[in-house]
Amino acid sequence: MKTLLIVWHSRTGGSRQMAEAAARGAQAEAGVAVRLVRAAEARADDVLGADGYVFAGPENLASMSGEMKEFFDRTYYEALDRVSGRPYALLVCAGSDGQGVVRQVSRIATGWRLKPAAEPIVVITHAQDGPAIWAEKTLQAPDLARCEDLGQALAAGLAMGIF
């Protein structure tokens, strides 16, 4: 059985919703175990034990969140040269454009020699002031459907041995 690890962080719920949608999609595929793990709890053993990855996090100050960065800091060197060639996908909940997060995670994935399985999904909330930024997010059904489809496609690729 293949394993898909979904590592996520969210303060206001948007990235959590995206990660949960990807997990729902992935769980529809037989032959793939789906592990949905908060970034603060994810360890190098989780990374090493997975066959593919979805990383989901918010854009904070045009960058990945500190908790996602901490996850990568804790796991990067132990997984280096041990996860090459595995597929990954990225989900970003952003107030503006999310491209800082996309660039940062892409660089980390390049160092791990992961293969992008899909274009990143960036959901833009347009939250630009304090109250809007800190408000609990409710993402729209079409955005969540894209995340669910991505999860299912990645899991299907793992199950069929494409990745």
N, C-alpha and C. Protein backbone atom coordinates (compact mmCIF):
# COMPACT_ATOMS: atom_id res chain seq x y z
N MET A 1 0.85 -1.19 0.00
CA MET A 1 0.00 0.00 0.00
C MET A 1 0.89 1.24 0.00
N LYS A 2 0.53 2.21 -0.81
CA LYS A 2 1.24 3.49 -0.88
C LYS A 2 0.69 4.43 0.19
N THR A 3 1.51 5.40 0.58
CA THR A 3 1.12 6.38 1.58
C THR A 3 1.28 7.79 1.04
N LEU A 4 0.22 8.58 1.19
CA LEU A 4 0.25 10.00 0.85
C LEU A 4 0.24 10.79 2.15
N LEU A 5 1.26 11.59 2.37
CA LEU A 5 1.37 12.44 3.56
C LEU A 5 0.93 13.85 3.21
N ILE A 6 -0.04 14.35 3.95
CA ILE A 6 -0.50 15.73 3.78
C ILE A 6 -0.11 16.49 5.03
N VAL A 7 0.83 17.41 4.88
CA VAL A 7 1.32 18.22 5.99
C VAL A 7 0.72 19.61 5.83
N TRP A 8 0.11 20.12 6.91
CA TRP A 8 -0.59 21.39 6.80
C TRP A 8 -0.39 22.26 8.05
N HIS A 9 -0.58 23.56 7.82
CA HIS A 9 -0.64 24.53 8.91
C HIS A 9 -1.69 25.56 8.55
N SER A 10 -2.46 25.99 9.55
CA SER A 10 -3.46 27.01 9.32
C SER A 10 -3.77 27.73 10.63
N ARG A 11 -3.86 29.03 10.57
CA ARG A 11 -4.28 29.82 11.73
C ARG A 11 -5.75 30.21 11.64
N THR A 12 -6.21 30.41 10.41
CA THR A 12 -7.57 30.93 10.24
C THR A 12 -8.48 29.97 9.47
N GLY A 13 -8.03 28.75 9.25
CA GLY A 13 -8.87 27.71 8.70
C GLY A 13 -8.79 27.47 7.20
N GLY A 14 -8.28 28.42 6.43
CA GLY A 14 -8.25 28.25 4.98
C GLY A 14 -7.38 27.09 4.53
N SER A 15 -6.16 27.05 4.99
CA SER A 15 -5.25 25.97 4.59
C SER A 15 -5.71 24.63 5.14
N ARG A 16 -6.30 24.62 6.32
CA ARG A 16 -6.84 23.38 6.88
C ARG A 16 -7.94 22.84 5.97
N GLN A 17 -8.83 23.71 5.51
CA GLN A 17 -9.90 23.28 4.60
C GLN A 17 -9.32 22.71 3.31
N MET A 18 -8.29 23.34 2.80
CA MET A 18 -7.65 22.86 1.57
C MET A 18 -7.04 21.48 1.79
N ALA A 19 -6.33 21.30 2.91
CA ALA A 19 -5.70 20.01 3.22
C ALA A 19 -6.76 18.93 3.41
N GLU A 20 -7.82 19.26 4.12
CA GLU A 20 -8.89 18.27 4.35
C GLU A 20 -9.57 17.89 3.04
N ALA A 21 -9.75 18.85 2.14
CA ALA A 21 -10.34 18.54 0.83
C ALA A 21 -9.43 17.60 0.04
N ALA A 22 -8.13 17.88 0.04
CA ALA A 22 -7.18 16.99 -0.65
C ALA A 22 -7.23 15.59 -0.05
N ALA A 23 -7.33 15.51 1.27
CA ALA A 23 -7.41 14.20 1.93
C ALA A 23 -8.68 13.46 1.52
N ARG A 24 -9.81 14.17 1.46
CA ARG A 24 -11.07 13.53 1.03
C ARG A 24 -10.92 12.94 -0.37
N GLY A 25 -10.32 13.71 -1.26
CA GLY A 25 -10.12 13.21 -2.62
C GLY A 25 -9.19 12.01 -2.65
N ALA A 26 -8.11 12.08 -1.90
CA ALA A 26 -7.14 10.99 -1.89
C ALA A 26 -7.73 9.72 -1.27
N GLN A 27 -8.59 9.88 -0.27
CA GLN A 27 -9.18 8.71 0.39
C GLN A 27 -10.15 7.97 -0.51
N ALA A 28 -10.55 8.59 -1.61
CA ALA A 28 -11.44 7.92 -2.56
C ALA A 28 -10.70 6.86 -3.38
N GLU A 29 -9.37 6.89 -3.35
CA GLU A 29 -8.57 5.94 -4.11
C GLU A 29 -8.22 4.72 -3.26
N ALA A 30 -8.49 3.55 -3.79
CA ALA A 30 -8.10 2.31 -3.10
C ALA A 30 -6.59 2.13 -3.22
N GLY A 31 -6.02 1.53 -2.23
CA GLY A 31 -4.60 1.21 -2.27
C GLY A 31 -3.69 2.32 -1.81
N VAL A 32 -4.26 3.38 -1.25
CA VAL A 32 -3.45 4.50 -0.76
C VAL A 32 -3.90 4.88 0.64
N ALA A 33 -2.97 4.84 1.57
CA ALA A 33 -3.23 5.32 2.93
C ALA A 33 -2.96 6.81 2.96
N VAL A 34 -3.87 7.57 3.53
CA VAL A 34 -3.73 9.02 3.59
C VAL A 34 -3.47 9.42 5.03
N ARG A 35 -2.39 10.17 5.23
CA ARG A 35 -2.04 10.69 6.56
C ARG A 35 -2.11 12.21 6.51
N LEU A 36 -3.01 12.78 7.29
CA LEU A 36 -3.20 14.23 7.40
C LEU A 36 -2.57 14.65 8.71
N VAL A 37 -1.44 15.37 8.65
CA VAL A 37 -0.64 15.66 9.84
C VAL A 37 -0.37 17.17 9.93
N ARG A 38 -0.65 17.74 11.10
CA ARG A 38 -0.31 19.15 11.33
C ARG A 38 1.20 19.32 11.24
N ALA A 39 1.62 20.43 10.68
CA ALA A 39 3.05 20.70 10.50
C ALA A 39 3.81 20.61 11.82
N ALA A 40 3.22 21.09 12.91
CA ALA A 40 3.90 21.07 14.20
C ALA A 40 4.14 19.65 14.70
N GLU A 41 3.37 18.70 14.22
CA GLU A 41 3.48 17.31 14.68
C GLU A 41 4.22 16.41 13.70
N ALA A 42 4.45 16.87 12.50
CA ALA A 42 5.09 16.04 11.47
C ALA A 42 6.59 15.91 11.75
N ARG A 43 7.10 14.72 11.55
CA ARG A 43 8.51 14.42 11.82
C ARG A 43 9.17 13.84 10.56
N ALA A 44 10.46 13.71 10.61
CA ALA A 44 11.21 13.15 9.48
C ALA A 44 10.74 11.74 9.17
N ASP A 45 10.41 10.95 10.18
CA ASP A 45 9.91 9.59 9.93
C ASP A 45 8.63 9.61 9.11
N ASP A 46 7.78 10.63 9.32
CA ASP A 46 6.57 10.76 8.52
C ASP A 46 6.92 10.99 7.06
N VAL A 47 7.89 11.86 6.82
CA VAL A 47 8.33 12.18 5.46
C VAL A 47 8.94 10.94 4.81
N LEU A 48 9.82 10.27 5.54
CA LEU A 48 10.49 9.10 4.99
C LEU A 48 9.54 7.95 4.74
N GLY A 49 8.47 7.85 5.51
CA GLY A 49 7.52 6.76 5.38
C GLY A 49 6.45 6.98 4.32
N ALA A 50 6.48 8.10 3.64
CA ALA A 50 5.45 8.41 2.64
C ALA A 50 6.00 8.24 1.23
N ASP A 51 5.09 7.96 0.31
CA ASP A 51 5.45 7.80 -1.10
C ASP A 51 5.18 9.06 -1.90
N GLY A 52 4.40 9.98 -1.33
CA GLY A 52 4.07 11.24 -1.98
C GLY A 52 3.59 12.23 -0.94
N TYR A 53 3.53 13.50 -1.33
CA TYR A 53 3.26 14.56 -0.35
C TYR A 53 2.33 15.62 -0.91
N VAL A 54 1.54 16.18 -0.01
CA VAL A 54 0.84 17.43 -0.26
C VAL A 54 1.23 18.35 0.89
N PHE A 55 1.71 19.53 0.56
CA PHE A 55 2.04 20.54 1.56
C PHE A 55 1.00 21.64 1.45
N ALA A 56 0.36 21.99 2.56
CA ALA A 56 -0.70 23.01 2.56
C ALA A 56 -0.44 24.02 3.65
N GLY A 57 -0.37 25.27 3.27
CA GLY A 57 -0.11 26.30 4.27
C GLY A 57 -0.52 27.67 3.79
N PRO A 58 -0.53 28.61 4.73
CA PRO A 58 -0.92 29.97 4.39
C PRO A 58 0.27 30.81 3.92
N GLU A 59 -0.09 31.89 3.29
CA GLU A 59 0.87 32.94 2.99
C GLU A 59 0.86 33.88 4.19
N ASN A 60 2.02 34.09 4.80
CA ASN A 60 2.16 35.05 5.89
C ASN A 60 3.26 36.03 5.52
N LEU A 61 2.90 37.30 5.39
CA LEU A 61 3.87 38.34 5.03
C LEU A 61 4.65 37.95 3.77
N ALA A 62 3.92 37.49 2.76
CA ALA A 62 4.48 37.11 1.45
C ALA A 62 5.43 35.92 1.53
N SER A 63 5.27 35.10 2.56
CA SER A 63 6.18 33.98 2.79
C SER A 63 5.40 32.80 3.35
N MET A 64 6.03 31.63 3.39
CA MET A 64 5.37 30.50 4.04
C MET A 64 5.30 30.78 5.54
N SER A 65 4.34 30.18 6.19
CA SER A 65 4.18 30.41 7.63
C SER A 65 5.37 29.84 8.39
N GLY A 66 5.62 30.40 9.54
CA GLY A 66 6.72 29.94 10.39
C GLY A 66 6.59 28.47 10.75
N GLU A 67 5.37 28.01 10.98
CA GLU A 67 5.17 26.61 11.36
C GLU A 67 5.51 25.67 10.21
N MET A 68 5.18 26.06 8.98
CA MET A 68 5.59 25.23 7.83
C MET A 68 7.10 25.27 7.67
N LYS A 69 7.68 26.44 7.84
CA LYS A 69 9.15 26.56 7.75
C LYS A 69 9.81 25.69 8.80
N GLU A 70 9.27 25.69 10.01
CA GLU A 70 9.81 24.86 11.08
C GLU A 70 9.72 23.38 10.73
N PHE A 71 8.61 22.97 10.13
CA PHE A 71 8.47 21.58 9.67
C PHE A 71 9.61 21.23 8.71
N PHE A 72 9.83 22.07 7.71
CA PHE A 72 10.90 21.80 6.75
C PHE A 72 12.27 21.84 7.43
N ASP A 73 12.47 22.79 8.35
CA ASP A 73 13.74 22.86 9.08
C ASP A 73 14.01 21.57 9.86
N ARG A 74 12.98 21.03 10.51
CA ARG A 74 13.14 19.82 11.33
C ARG A 74 13.39 18.57 10.51
N THR A 75 12.86 18.52 9.28
CA THR A 75 12.88 17.27 8.52
C THR A 75 13.84 17.28 7.34
N TYR A 76 14.27 18.44 6.90
CA TYR A 76 14.99 18.56 5.64
C TYR A 76 16.24 17.67 5.57
N TYR A 77 17.14 17.82 6.50
CA TYR A 77 18.42 17.13 6.36
C TYR A 77 18.32 15.64 6.59
N GLU A 78 17.40 15.21 7.43
CA GLU A 78 17.23 13.77 7.64
C GLU A 78 16.63 13.10 6.39
N ALA A 79 15.81 13.84 5.65
CA ALA A 79 15.19 13.28 4.45
C ALA A 79 16.03 13.51 3.19
N LEU A 80 17.00 14.39 3.27
CA LEU A 80 17.82 14.73 2.10
C LEU A 80 18.45 13.47 1.51
N ASP A 81 18.35 13.32 0.21
CA ASP A 81 18.87 12.17 -0.54
C ASP A 81 18.15 10.86 -0.23
N ARG A 82 17.02 10.93 0.48
CA ARG A 82 16.28 9.72 0.81
C ARG A 82 14.85 9.75 0.27
N VAL A 83 14.44 10.87 -0.33
CA VAL A 83 13.08 10.97 -0.87
C VAL A 83 13.08 11.39 -2.34
N SER A 84 14.21 11.33 -2.96
CA SER A 84 14.35 11.76 -4.36
C SER A 84 13.35 11.06 -5.26
N GLY A 85 12.76 11.84 -6.16
CA GLY A 85 11.86 11.30 -7.16
C GLY A 85 10.42 11.15 -6.72
N ARG A 86 10.12 11.36 -5.47
CA ARG A 86 8.74 11.23 -5.01
C ARG A 86 7.92 12.45 -5.43
N PRO A 87 6.62 12.27 -5.67
CA PRO A 87 5.79 13.38 -6.12
C PRO A 87 5.31 14.25 -4.97
N TYR A 88 5.04 15.50 -5.30
CA TYR A 88 4.46 16.41 -4.30
C TYR A 88 3.52 17.39 -4.99
N ALA A 89 2.65 17.96 -4.19
CA ALA A 89 1.77 19.04 -4.64
C ALA A 89 1.72 20.08 -3.53
N LEU A 90 1.33 21.29 -3.89
CA LEU A 90 1.31 22.41 -2.95
C LEU A 90 -0.04 23.10 -2.99
N LEU A 91 -0.57 23.40 -1.80
CA LEU A 91 -1.81 24.16 -1.63
C LEU A 91 -1.49 25.38 -0.78
N VAL A 92 -1.89 26.56 -1.24
CA VAL A 92 -1.58 27.80 -0.53
C VAL A 92 -2.87 28.61 -0.38
N CYS A 93 -3.13 29.05 0.85
CA CYS A 93 -4.21 30.00 1.10
C CYS A 93 -3.55 31.35 1.31
N ALA A 94 -3.82 32.29 0.40
CA ALA A 94 -3.08 33.55 0.36
C ALA A 94 -3.99 34.75 0.45
N GLY A 95 -3.48 35.80 1.07
CA GLY A 95 -4.18 37.07 1.09
C GLY A 95 -3.93 37.85 -0.18
N SER A 96 -2.72 37.72 -0.72
CA SER A 96 -2.40 38.45 -1.95
C SER A 96 -2.18 37.46 -3.08
N ASP A 97 -0.93 37.12 -3.40
CA ASP A 97 -0.72 36.26 -4.57
C ASP A 97 -0.13 34.89 -4.25
N GLY A 98 0.41 34.67 -3.07
CA GLY A 98 0.93 33.37 -2.67
C GLY A 98 2.22 32.95 -3.34
N GLN A 99 2.77 33.79 -4.21
CA GLN A 99 3.93 33.36 -4.99
C GLN A 99 5.20 33.21 -4.17
N GLY A 100 5.31 33.94 -3.07
CA GLY A 100 6.46 33.76 -2.19
C GLY A 100 6.49 32.35 -1.61
N VAL A 101 5.33 31.85 -1.21
CA VAL A 101 5.23 30.49 -0.68
C VAL A 101 5.56 29.48 -1.78
N VAL A 102 5.02 29.70 -2.96
CA VAL A 102 5.27 28.79 -4.08
C VAL A 102 6.77 28.70 -4.35
N ARG A 103 7.44 29.84 -4.39
CA ARG A 103 8.89 29.84 -4.64
C ARG A 103 9.65 29.13 -3.54
N GLN A 104 9.31 29.41 -2.28
CA GLN A 104 10.04 28.79 -1.17
C GLN A 104 9.88 27.28 -1.16
N VAL A 105 8.65 26.80 -1.27
CA VAL A 105 8.43 25.35 -1.23
C VAL A 105 9.04 24.69 -2.46
N SER A 106 8.98 25.34 -3.60
CA SER A 106 9.60 24.79 -4.81
C SER A 106 11.10 24.61 -4.62
N ARG A 107 11.74 25.56 -3.98
CA ARG A 107 13.19 25.46 -3.74
C ARG A 107 13.50 24.31 -2.79
N ILE A 108 12.68 24.15 -1.75
CA ILE A 108 12.88 23.04 -0.81
C ILE A 108 12.66 21.71 -1.53
N ALA A 109 11.59 21.62 -2.32
CA ALA A 109 11.29 20.39 -3.06
C ALA A 109 12.41 20.08 -4.06
N THR A 110 12.98 21.10 -4.67
CA THR A 110 14.10 20.90 -5.58
C THR A 110 15.29 20.31 -4.83
N GLY A 111 15.56 20.81 -3.63
CA GLY A 111 16.65 20.26 -2.82
C GLY A 111 16.41 18.81 -2.44
N TRP A 112 15.18 18.47 -2.17
CA TRP A 112 14.82 17.08 -1.86
C TRP A 112 14.71 16.24 -3.14
N ARG A 113 14.75 16.89 -4.29
CA ARG A 113 14.60 16.27 -5.60
C ARG A 113 13.23 15.60 -5.76
N LEU A 114 12.20 16.27 -5.22
CA LEU A 114 10.83 15.82 -5.41
C LEU A 114 10.36 16.23 -6.79
N LYS A 115 9.35 15.52 -7.31
CA LYS A 115 8.78 15.84 -8.61
C LYS A 115 7.43 16.53 -8.40
N PRO A 116 7.24 17.70 -8.99
CA PRO A 116 5.91 18.31 -8.88
C PRO A 116 4.89 17.47 -9.64
N ALA A 117 3.81 17.09 -8.97
CA ALA A 117 2.77 16.26 -9.57
C ALA A 117 1.69 17.11 -10.22
N ALA A 118 1.63 18.39 -9.86
CA ALA A 118 0.61 19.30 -10.37
C ALA A 118 1.08 20.73 -10.14
N GLU A 119 0.47 21.65 -10.84
CA GLU A 119 0.72 23.06 -10.57
C GLU A 119 0.18 23.38 -9.17
N PRO A 120 0.84 24.27 -8.43
CA PRO A 120 0.32 24.65 -7.11
C PRO A 120 -1.09 25.24 -7.22
N ILE A 121 -1.90 24.95 -6.23
CA ILE A 121 -3.21 25.58 -6.13
C ILE A 121 -3.09 26.70 -5.11
N VAL A 122 -3.35 27.91 -5.54
CA VAL A 122 -3.30 29.09 -4.67
C VAL A 122 -4.71 29.67 -4.63
N VAL A 123 -5.28 29.70 -3.44
CA VAL A 123 -6.59 30.32 -3.24
C VAL A 123 -6.34 31.68 -2.61
N ILE A 124 -6.79 32.73 -3.27
CA ILE A 124 -6.55 34.10 -2.81
C ILE A 124 -7.81 34.62 -2.12
N THR A 125 -7.64 34.98 -0.85
CA THR A 125 -8.78 35.46 -0.05
C THR A 125 -8.94 36.97 -0.09
N HIS A 126 -7.92 37.68 -0.56
CA HIS A 126 -7.91 39.15 -0.63
C HIS A 126 -7.97 39.78 0.76
N ALA A 127 -7.60 39.05 1.78
CA ALA A 127 -7.54 39.61 3.14
C ALA A 127 -6.32 40.52 3.23
N GLN A 128 -6.55 41.82 3.40
CA GLN A 128 -5.44 42.78 3.35
C GLN A 128 -5.32 43.68 4.58
N ASP A 129 -6.26 43.61 5.51
CA ASP A 129 -6.10 44.41 6.73
C ASP A 129 -6.22 43.47 7.93
N GLY A 130 -5.84 43.98 9.10
CA GLY A 130 -5.79 43.15 10.30
C GLY A 130 -7.03 42.32 10.55
N PRO A 131 -8.21 42.95 10.62
CA PRO A 131 -9.41 42.15 10.89
C PRO A 131 -9.67 41.08 9.83
N ALA A 132 -9.47 41.40 8.56
CA ALA A 132 -9.70 40.42 7.50
C ALA A 132 -8.66 39.31 7.52
N ILE A 133 -7.42 39.67 7.81
CA ILE A 133 -6.35 38.68 7.85
C ILE A 133 -6.60 37.67 8.97
N TRP A 134 -7.00 38.14 10.14
CA TRP A 134 -7.19 37.27 11.30
C TRP A 134 -8.55 36.59 11.35
N ALA A 135 -9.46 36.98 10.47
CA ALA A 135 -10.80 36.38 10.48
C ALA A 135 -10.74 34.92 10.03
N GLU A 136 -11.61 34.11 10.62
CA GLU A 136 -11.75 32.71 10.20
C GLU A 136 -12.16 32.69 8.73
N LYS A 137 -11.52 31.84 7.93
CA LYS A 137 -11.79 31.77 6.51
C LYS A 137 -12.79 30.65 6.21
N THR A 138 -13.64 30.90 5.24
CA THR A 138 -14.52 29.89 4.68
C THR A 138 -14.29 29.91 3.18
N LEU A 139 -13.65 28.87 2.67
CA LEU A 139 -13.32 28.84 1.25
C LEU A 139 -14.52 28.39 0.43
N GLN A 140 -14.54 28.81 -0.81
CA GLN A 140 -15.64 28.52 -1.72
C GLN A 140 -15.56 27.07 -2.22
N ALA A 141 -16.71 26.50 -2.50
CA ALA A 141 -16.81 25.11 -2.96
C ALA A 141 -15.94 24.83 -4.20
N PRO A 142 -15.91 25.71 -5.20
CA PRO A 142 -15.06 25.40 -6.37
C PRO A 142 -13.57 25.31 -6.02
N ASP A 143 -13.11 26.13 -5.10
CA ASP A 143 -11.70 26.06 -4.69
C ASP A 143 -11.42 24.76 -3.95
N LEU A 144 -12.34 24.37 -3.08
CA LEU A 144 -12.16 23.12 -2.35
C LEU A 144 -12.25 21.92 -3.29
N ALA A 145 -13.09 22.01 -4.31
CA ALA A 145 -13.20 20.93 -5.29
C ALA A 145 -11.88 20.75 -6.04
N ARG A 146 -11.19 21.84 -6.35
CA ARG A 146 -9.88 21.74 -7.01
C ARG A 146 -8.89 21.00 -6.12
N CYS A 147 -8.93 21.30 -4.82
CA CYS A 147 -8.03 20.63 -3.87
C CYS A 147 -8.37 19.15 -3.76
N GLU A 148 -9.66 18.85 -3.73
CA GLU A 148 -10.10 17.46 -3.65
C GLU A 148 -9.66 16.70 -4.91
N ASP A 149 -9.83 17.31 -6.07
CA ASP A 149 -9.41 16.68 -7.32
C ASP A 149 -7.91 16.43 -7.34
N LEU A 150 -7.14 17.39 -6.84
CA LEU A 150 -5.69 17.22 -6.79
C LEU A 150 -5.33 16.04 -5.89
N GLY A 151 -5.95 15.96 -4.72
CA GLY A 151 -5.68 14.84 -3.81
C GLY A 151 -6.00 13.50 -4.46
N GLN A 152 -7.14 13.44 -5.14
CA GLN A 152 -7.53 12.19 -5.79
C GLN A 152 -6.57 11.84 -6.92
N ALA A 153 -6.17 12.82 -7.71
CA ALA A 153 -5.26 12.56 -8.82
C ALA A 153 -3.90 12.10 -8.32
N LEU A 154 -3.39 12.72 -7.28
CA LEU A 154 -2.09 12.32 -6.74
C LEU A 154 -2.16 10.90 -6.17
N ALA A 155 -3.23 10.60 -5.45
CA ALA A 155 -3.40 9.26 -4.90
C ALA A 155 -3.55 8.23 -6.01
N ALA A 156 -4.30 8.57 -7.06
CA ALA A 156 -4.46 7.64 -8.19
C ALA A 156 -3.11 7.37 -8.85
N GLY A 157 -2.32 8.41 -9.02
CA GLY A 157 -0.99 8.23 -9.60
C GLY A 157 -0.11 7.33 -8.76
N LEU A 158 -0.20 7.48 -7.44
CA LEU A 158 0.56 6.60 -6.54
C LEU A 158 0.06 5.17 -6.66
N ALA A 159 -1.26 4.99 -6.63
CA ALA A 159 -1.85 3.65 -6.69
C ALA A 159 -1.49 2.92 -8.00
N MET A 160 -1.45 3.67 -9.10
CA MET A 160 -1.16 3.06 -10.41
C MET A 160 0.33 2.93 -10.69
N GLY A 161 1.16 3.47 -9.79
CA GLY A 161 2.60 3.39 -10.00
C GLY A 161 3.14 4.39 -10.99
N ILE A 162 2.34 5.41 -11.30
CA ILE A 162 2.81 6.47 -12.22
C ILE A 162 3.94 7.27 -11.56
N PHE A 163 3.82 7.46 -10.28
CA PHE A 163 4.84 8.22 -9.55
C PHE A 163 5.77 7.26 -8.82
